[in-house]
Amino acid sequence: MAIAEKIVWLLKQQSNIIIFPEGTTTVGDDVLNFHASLFQPALLTKVPIQPVAIQYSDSTKSLAPFVGDDAFVPHLLRMLALDNVDVTITLLPLVSTTGKTRQAVSVETRELIRQHIVEPQDRHSLKHRA
């Protein structure tokens, strides 16, 4: 059974599924384009999408990103060695999948997260430039 079929089956069982639609991690200053195909199981089952914004702060902001040539085990050990992990997790408004394409759901979901993560920083930067 393909992974998408397994996800459809789980959604029909009313299970919650977590995906990271960027398909990678970044340093957190922007939101990459999403892989729209990852939304297909939700469309097939007409399940809404719960967008989540994850933001690290303080020392965690520079240590949390797992990017480039980072090796997993040393990265994990650095994270586990921290006394605190400063993270804010924000649940954004649900995105309906009814009558939408996976590309439309992908773009809508990304924009909600991007507005929460990127645009407040942009507005903050503009205030300091004035």
N, C-alpha and C. Protein backbone atom coordinates (compact mmCIF):
# COMPACT_ATOMS: atom_id res chain seq x y z
N MET A 1 0.85 -1.18 0.00
CA MET A 1 0.00 0.00 0.00
C MET A 1 0.90 1.25 0.00
N ALA A 2 0.60 2.18 -0.88
CA ALA A 2 1.37 3.42 -0.96
C ALA A 2 1.12 4.28 0.28
N ILE A 3 2.05 5.16 0.55
CA ILE A 3 1.93 6.00 1.74
C ILE A 3 0.66 6.85 1.70
N ALA A 4 0.35 7.43 0.54
CA ALA A 4 -0.87 8.25 0.43
C ALA A 4 -2.11 7.42 0.77
N GLU A 5 -2.13 6.17 0.33
CA GLU A 5 -3.27 5.30 0.64
C GLU A 5 -3.35 5.01 2.14
N LYS A 6 -2.21 4.84 2.78
CA LYS A 6 -2.19 4.62 4.23
C LYS A 6 -2.71 5.85 4.97
N ILE A 7 -2.31 7.02 4.48
CA ILE A 7 -2.77 8.26 5.13
C ILE A 7 -4.28 8.42 4.95
N VAL A 8 -4.78 8.12 3.75
CA VAL A 8 -6.24 8.17 3.52
C VAL A 8 -6.94 7.23 4.50
N TRP A 9 -6.43 6.03 4.64
CA TRP A 9 -7.03 5.06 5.55
C TRP A 9 -7.03 5.60 6.99
N LEU A 10 -5.90 6.16 7.42
CA LEU A 10 -5.81 6.71 8.78
C LEU A 10 -6.78 7.86 8.98
N LEU A 11 -6.90 8.74 7.99
CA LEU A 11 -7.84 9.86 8.09
C LEU A 11 -9.28 9.37 8.18
N LYS A 12 -9.59 8.31 7.44
CA LYS A 12 -10.94 7.74 7.52
C LYS A 12 -11.20 7.13 8.90
N GLN A 13 -10.13 6.76 9.61
CA GLN A 13 -10.25 6.24 10.97
C GLN A 13 -10.26 7.37 12.00
N GLN A 14 -10.30 8.60 11.52
CA GLN A 14 -10.30 9.82 12.33
C GLN A 14 -8.99 10.01 13.09
N SER A 15 -7.91 9.50 12.53
CA SER A 15 -6.58 9.73 13.10
C SER A 15 -6.09 11.11 12.66
N ASN A 16 -5.21 11.69 13.47
CA ASN A 16 -4.56 12.94 13.11
C ASN A 16 -3.23 12.60 12.45
N ILE A 17 -2.89 13.34 11.42
CA ILE A 17 -1.65 13.14 10.68
C ILE A 17 -0.86 14.43 10.72
N ILE A 18 0.43 14.34 10.96
CA ILE A 18 1.30 15.51 10.94
C ILE A 18 2.20 15.40 9.73
N ILE A 19 2.21 16.45 8.91
CA ILE A 19 3.14 16.50 7.79
C ILE A 19 3.89 17.81 7.85
N PHE A 20 5.06 17.81 7.28
CA PHE A 20 5.86 19.02 7.14
C PHE A 20 5.95 19.28 5.63
N PRO A 21 5.00 20.05 5.08
CA PRO A 21 4.85 20.14 3.63
C PRO A 21 5.97 20.85 2.90
N GLU A 22 6.90 21.49 3.62
CA GLU A 22 8.07 22.04 2.94
C GLU A 22 9.00 20.91 2.51
N GLY A 23 8.92 19.79 3.20
CA GLY A 23 9.77 18.65 2.87
C GLY A 23 11.19 18.79 3.38
N THR A 24 11.46 19.83 4.14
CA THR A 24 12.78 20.07 4.70
C THR A 24 12.63 21.08 5.82
N THR A 25 13.72 21.46 6.43
CA THR A 25 13.69 22.53 7.43
C THR A 25 14.49 23.71 6.90
N THR A 26 14.24 24.86 7.48
CA THR A 26 14.95 26.09 7.09
C THR A 26 15.40 26.80 8.36
N VAL A 27 16.07 27.92 8.18
CA VAL A 27 16.48 28.71 9.34
C VAL A 27 15.31 29.47 9.94
N GLY A 28 14.15 29.44 9.30
CA GLY A 28 12.94 30.00 9.89
C GLY A 28 12.62 31.43 9.52
N ASP A 29 13.38 32.03 8.59
CA ASP A 29 13.09 33.41 8.23
C ASP A 29 12.09 33.53 7.08
N ASP A 30 11.71 32.42 6.50
CA ASP A 30 10.68 32.39 5.47
C ASP A 30 10.07 30.99 5.44
N VAL A 31 9.02 30.83 4.67
CA VAL A 31 8.34 29.55 4.52
C VAL A 31 8.50 29.14 3.06
N LEU A 32 9.14 27.99 2.83
CA LEU A 32 9.34 27.51 1.46
C LEU A 32 8.00 27.08 0.85
N ASN A 33 8.00 26.90 -0.47
CA ASN A 33 6.81 26.38 -1.13
C ASN A 33 6.51 24.99 -0.61
N PHE A 34 5.24 24.68 -0.52
CA PHE A 34 4.80 23.38 -0.03
C PHE A 34 4.68 22.38 -1.17
N HIS A 35 4.86 21.11 -0.86
CA HIS A 35 4.63 20.03 -1.81
C HIS A 35 3.13 19.73 -1.79
N ALA A 36 2.44 20.19 -2.82
CA ALA A 36 0.97 20.11 -2.86
C ALA A 36 0.47 18.67 -2.80
N SER A 37 1.24 17.72 -3.31
CA SER A 37 0.78 16.33 -3.31
C SER A 37 0.56 15.80 -1.90
N LEU A 38 1.21 16.38 -0.91
CA LEU A 38 1.04 15.93 0.47
C LEU A 38 -0.36 16.24 1.02
N PHE A 39 -1.09 17.13 0.34
CA PHE A 39 -2.43 17.49 0.77
C PHE A 39 -3.52 16.61 0.14
N GLN A 40 -3.14 15.78 -0.83
CA GLN A 40 -4.13 14.98 -1.55
C GLN A 40 -4.97 14.08 -0.63
N PRO A 41 -4.38 13.37 0.34
CA PRO A 41 -5.22 12.53 1.20
C PRO A 41 -6.30 13.33 1.94
N ALA A 42 -5.98 14.54 2.36
CA ALA A 42 -6.99 15.38 3.04
C ALA A 42 -8.11 15.76 2.08
N LEU A 43 -7.77 16.04 0.83
CA LEU A 43 -8.80 16.37 -0.15
C LEU A 43 -9.69 15.17 -0.42
N LEU A 44 -9.09 14.00 -0.55
CA LEU A 44 -9.87 12.79 -0.84
C LEU A 44 -10.85 12.44 0.28
N THR A 45 -10.48 12.79 1.52
CA THR A 45 -11.33 12.47 2.66
C THR A 45 -12.11 13.69 3.16
N LYS A 46 -11.92 14.83 2.49
CA LYS A 46 -12.61 16.08 2.85
C LYS A 46 -12.35 16.50 4.30
N VAL A 47 -11.13 16.27 4.73
CA VAL A 47 -10.70 16.63 6.09
C VAL A 47 -10.06 18.02 6.04
N PRO A 48 -10.41 18.91 6.95
CA PRO A 48 -9.76 20.23 6.96
C PRO A 48 -8.29 20.12 7.40
N ILE A 49 -7.52 21.10 7.00
CA ILE A 49 -6.11 21.18 7.35
C ILE A 49 -5.96 22.11 8.56
N GLN A 50 -5.16 21.70 9.54
CA GLN A 50 -4.86 22.54 10.70
C GLN A 50 -3.44 23.09 10.53
N PRO A 51 -3.30 24.31 9.98
CA PRO A 51 -1.96 24.88 9.85
C PRO A 51 -1.36 25.20 11.23
N VAL A 52 -0.08 24.97 11.36
CA VAL A 52 0.63 25.21 12.61
C VAL A 52 1.91 25.99 12.29
N ALA A 53 2.12 27.07 13.01
CA ALA A 53 3.36 27.85 12.88
C ALA A 53 4.28 27.48 14.04
N ILE A 54 5.50 27.10 13.71
CA ILE A 54 6.50 26.74 14.73
C ILE A 54 7.61 27.78 14.67
N GLN A 55 7.85 28.44 15.80
CA GLN A 55 8.87 29.49 15.85
C GLN A 55 9.76 29.29 17.07
N TYR A 56 11.05 29.17 16.80
CA TYR A 56 12.03 29.06 17.88
C TYR A 56 12.54 30.45 18.23
N SER A 57 12.94 30.64 19.48
CA SER A 57 13.45 31.94 19.89
C SER A 57 14.67 31.74 20.80
N ASP A 58 15.27 32.86 21.17
CA ASP A 58 16.47 32.89 22.00
C ASP A 58 17.56 32.02 21.40
N SER A 59 18.32 31.31 22.21
CA SER A 59 19.44 30.52 21.69
C SER A 59 18.96 29.37 20.81
N THR A 60 17.74 28.93 21.04
CA THR A 60 17.20 27.82 20.26
C THR A 60 17.06 28.21 18.79
N LYS A 61 16.83 29.48 18.50
CA LYS A 61 16.60 29.92 17.12
C LYS A 61 17.79 29.58 16.22
N SER A 62 18.99 29.71 16.73
CA SER A 62 20.16 29.40 15.90
C SER A 62 20.52 27.92 15.93
N LEU A 63 20.08 27.19 16.95
CA LEU A 63 20.44 25.78 17.08
C LEU A 63 19.40 24.83 16.49
N ALA A 64 18.15 25.23 16.44
CA ALA A 64 17.08 24.32 16.01
C ALA A 64 17.12 23.95 14.53
N PRO A 65 17.44 24.89 13.63
CA PRO A 65 17.39 24.51 12.21
C PRO A 65 18.32 23.34 11.90
N PHE A 66 17.79 22.41 11.15
CA PHE A 66 18.52 21.23 10.69
C PHE A 66 18.63 21.41 9.18
N VAL A 67 19.70 22.08 8.73
CA VAL A 67 19.81 22.47 7.33
C VAL A 67 21.19 22.14 6.77
N GLY A 68 21.26 22.19 5.44
CA GLY A 68 22.55 22.02 4.76
C GLY A 68 23.14 20.65 5.00
N ASP A 69 24.39 20.65 5.42
CA ASP A 69 25.14 19.41 5.63
C ASP A 69 25.07 18.91 7.07
N ASP A 70 24.14 19.41 7.85
CA ASP A 70 24.02 18.97 9.24
C ASP A 70 23.82 17.45 9.29
N ALA A 71 24.52 16.83 10.21
CA ALA A 71 24.32 15.40 10.47
C ALA A 71 23.29 15.28 11.58
N PHE A 72 22.39 14.32 11.46
CA PHE A 72 21.26 14.22 12.38
C PHE A 72 21.68 13.99 13.83
N VAL A 73 22.52 13.01 14.10
CA VAL A 73 22.84 12.65 15.49
C VAL A 73 23.53 13.79 16.22
N PRO A 74 24.58 14.43 15.67
CA PRO A 74 25.17 15.57 16.39
C PRO A 74 24.17 16.70 16.61
N HIS A 75 23.32 16.94 15.62
CA HIS A 75 22.30 17.98 15.76
C HIS A 75 21.35 17.63 16.91
N LEU A 76 20.89 16.41 16.94
CA LEU A 76 19.98 15.96 17.99
C LEU A 76 20.64 16.07 19.36
N LEU A 77 21.89 15.68 19.46
CA LEU A 77 22.60 15.76 20.75
C LEU A 77 22.75 17.20 21.22
N ARG A 78 23.02 18.14 20.29
CA ARG A 78 23.09 19.56 20.66
C ARG A 78 21.75 20.03 21.21
N MET A 79 20.66 19.63 20.56
CA MET A 79 19.33 20.04 21.02
C MET A 79 19.00 19.44 22.38
N LEU A 80 19.35 18.18 22.57
CA LEU A 80 19.05 17.52 23.84
C LEU A 80 19.90 18.07 24.99
N ALA A 81 21.03 18.66 24.67
CA ALA A 81 21.90 19.22 25.70
C ALA A 81 21.42 20.59 26.20
N LEU A 82 20.49 21.20 25.50
CA LEU A 82 19.99 22.50 25.92
C LEU A 82 19.17 22.38 27.21
N ASP A 83 19.33 23.36 28.09
CA ASP A 83 18.51 23.40 29.30
C ASP A 83 17.05 23.67 28.97
N ASN A 84 16.83 24.56 28.00
CA ASN A 84 15.49 24.94 27.58
C ASN A 84 15.43 24.96 26.05
N VAL A 85 14.28 24.65 25.52
CA VAL A 85 14.02 24.83 24.10
C VAL A 85 12.88 25.84 24.01
N ASP A 86 13.22 27.03 23.55
CA ASP A 86 12.24 28.11 23.47
C ASP A 86 11.53 28.02 22.13
N VAL A 87 10.28 27.59 22.18
CA VAL A 87 9.51 27.42 20.95
C VAL A 87 8.08 27.90 21.19
N THR A 88 7.53 28.54 20.16
CA THR A 88 6.13 28.94 20.18
C THR A 88 5.43 28.17 19.07
N ILE A 89 4.36 27.49 19.44
CA ILE A 89 3.56 26.74 18.48
C ILE A 89 2.19 27.41 18.42
N THR A 90 1.82 27.86 17.22
CA THR A 90 0.57 28.59 17.05
C THR A 90 -0.34 27.82 16.11
N LEU A 91 -1.54 27.50 16.59
CA LEU A 91 -2.56 26.87 15.74
C LEU A 91 -3.29 27.98 15.00
N LEU A 92 -3.24 27.93 13.68
CA LEU A 92 -3.87 28.94 12.84
C LEU A 92 -5.26 28.46 12.42
N PRO A 93 -6.05 29.31 11.78
CA PRO A 93 -7.40 28.88 11.38
C PRO A 93 -7.39 27.67 10.44
N LEU A 94 -8.38 26.81 10.61
CA LEU A 94 -8.51 25.63 9.76
C LEU A 94 -8.68 26.04 8.29
N VAL A 95 -8.15 25.21 7.41
CA VAL A 95 -8.31 25.41 5.97
C VAL A 95 -9.22 24.30 5.45
N SER A 96 -10.34 24.69 4.88
CA SER A 96 -11.27 23.72 4.31
C SER A 96 -10.68 23.15 3.03
N THR A 97 -10.90 21.87 2.80
CA THR A 97 -10.43 21.22 1.57
C THR A 97 -11.57 21.02 0.58
N THR A 98 -12.78 21.27 0.98
CA THR A 98 -13.96 21.02 0.16
C THR A 98 -13.94 21.87 -1.11
N GLY A 99 -14.03 21.20 -2.26
CA GLY A 99 -14.12 21.89 -3.53
C GLY A 99 -12.85 22.57 -3.98
N LYS A 100 -11.71 22.27 -3.36
CA LYS A 100 -10.45 22.92 -3.71
C LYS A 100 -9.47 21.91 -4.30
N THR A 101 -8.53 22.43 -5.06
CA THR A 101 -7.45 21.59 -5.57
C THR A 101 -6.35 21.51 -4.52
N ARG A 102 -5.50 20.51 -4.66
CA ARG A 102 -4.40 20.39 -3.69
C ARG A 102 -3.45 21.58 -3.80
N GLN A 103 -3.31 22.14 -5.01
CA GLN A 103 -2.45 23.33 -5.16
C GLN A 103 -3.05 24.52 -4.42
N ALA A 104 -4.37 24.70 -4.53
CA ALA A 104 -5.03 25.82 -3.85
C ALA A 104 -4.91 25.67 -2.33
N VAL A 105 -5.12 24.46 -1.81
CA VAL A 105 -5.00 24.22 -0.37
C VAL A 105 -3.56 24.44 0.07
N SER A 106 -2.62 23.99 -0.73
CA SER A 106 -1.20 24.16 -0.41
C SER A 106 -0.83 25.64 -0.30
N VAL A 107 -1.26 26.43 -1.28
CA VAL A 107 -0.95 27.86 -1.28
C VAL A 107 -1.64 28.57 -0.11
N GLU A 108 -2.90 28.26 0.13
CA GLU A 108 -3.65 28.90 1.22
C GLU A 108 -3.01 28.59 2.58
N THR A 109 -2.64 27.34 2.78
CA THR A 109 -2.04 26.93 4.04
C THR A 109 -0.69 27.60 4.24
N ARG A 110 0.13 27.60 3.20
CA ARG A 110 1.45 28.24 3.28
C ARG A 110 1.31 29.72 3.60
N GLU A 111 0.37 30.40 2.94
CA GLU A 111 0.20 31.83 3.16
C GLU A 111 -0.22 32.14 4.59
N LEU A 112 -1.09 31.33 5.17
CA LEU A 112 -1.48 31.54 6.57
C LEU A 112 -0.26 31.47 7.48
N ILE A 113 0.56 30.45 7.27
CA ILE A 113 1.75 30.29 8.11
C ILE A 113 2.74 31.40 7.84
N ARG A 114 2.94 31.72 6.57
CA ARG A 114 3.90 32.77 6.20
C ARG A 114 3.48 34.13 6.79
N GLN A 115 2.19 34.45 6.72
CA GLN A 115 1.72 35.71 7.28
C GLN A 115 2.02 35.78 8.78
N HIS A 116 1.89 34.66 9.44
CA HIS A 116 2.14 34.64 10.89
C HIS A 116 3.63 34.76 11.21
N ILE A 117 4.46 34.09 10.44
CA ILE A 117 5.90 34.03 10.74
C ILE A 117 6.67 35.19 10.13
N VAL A 118 6.44 35.49 8.86
CA VAL A 118 7.28 36.44 8.13
C VAL A 118 6.78 37.86 8.21
N GLU A 119 5.50 38.07 7.96
CA GLU A 119 5.01 39.44 7.86
C GLU A 119 5.11 40.25 9.14
N PRO A 120 4.89 39.68 10.33
CA PRO A 120 5.10 40.49 11.53
C PRO A 120 6.54 40.98 11.64
N GLN A 121 7.50 40.17 11.22
CA GLN A 121 8.90 40.60 11.23
C GLN A 121 9.11 41.73 10.25
N ASP A 122 8.47 41.63 9.05
CA ASP A 122 8.60 42.69 8.06
C ASP A 122 8.05 44.00 8.60
N ARG A 123 6.88 43.97 9.24
CA ARG A 123 6.29 45.19 9.80
C ARG A 123 7.18 45.75 10.90
N HIS A 124 7.73 44.86 11.72
CA HIS A 124 8.63 45.29 12.79
C HIS A 124 9.86 45.98 12.21
N SER A 125 10.42 45.42 11.15
CA SER A 125 11.59 46.00 10.51
C SER A 125 11.28 47.36 9.95
N LEU A 126 10.10 47.52 9.34
CA LEU A 126 9.73 48.80 8.78
C LEU A 126 9.62 49.88 9.86
N LYS A 127 9.13 49.53 11.03
CA LYS A 127 9.00 50.49 12.12
C LYS A 127 10.39 51.03 12.50
N HIS A 128 11.39 50.18 12.52
CA HIS A 128 12.73 50.61 12.90
C HIS A 128 13.42 51.45 11.83
N ARG A 129 12.98 51.31 10.59
CA ARG A 129 13.58 52.08 9.50
C ARG A 129 12.99 53.49 9.43
N ALA A 130 11.81 53.69 9.95
CA ALA A 130 11.13 54.98 9.81
C ALA A 130 11.76 56.06 10.65
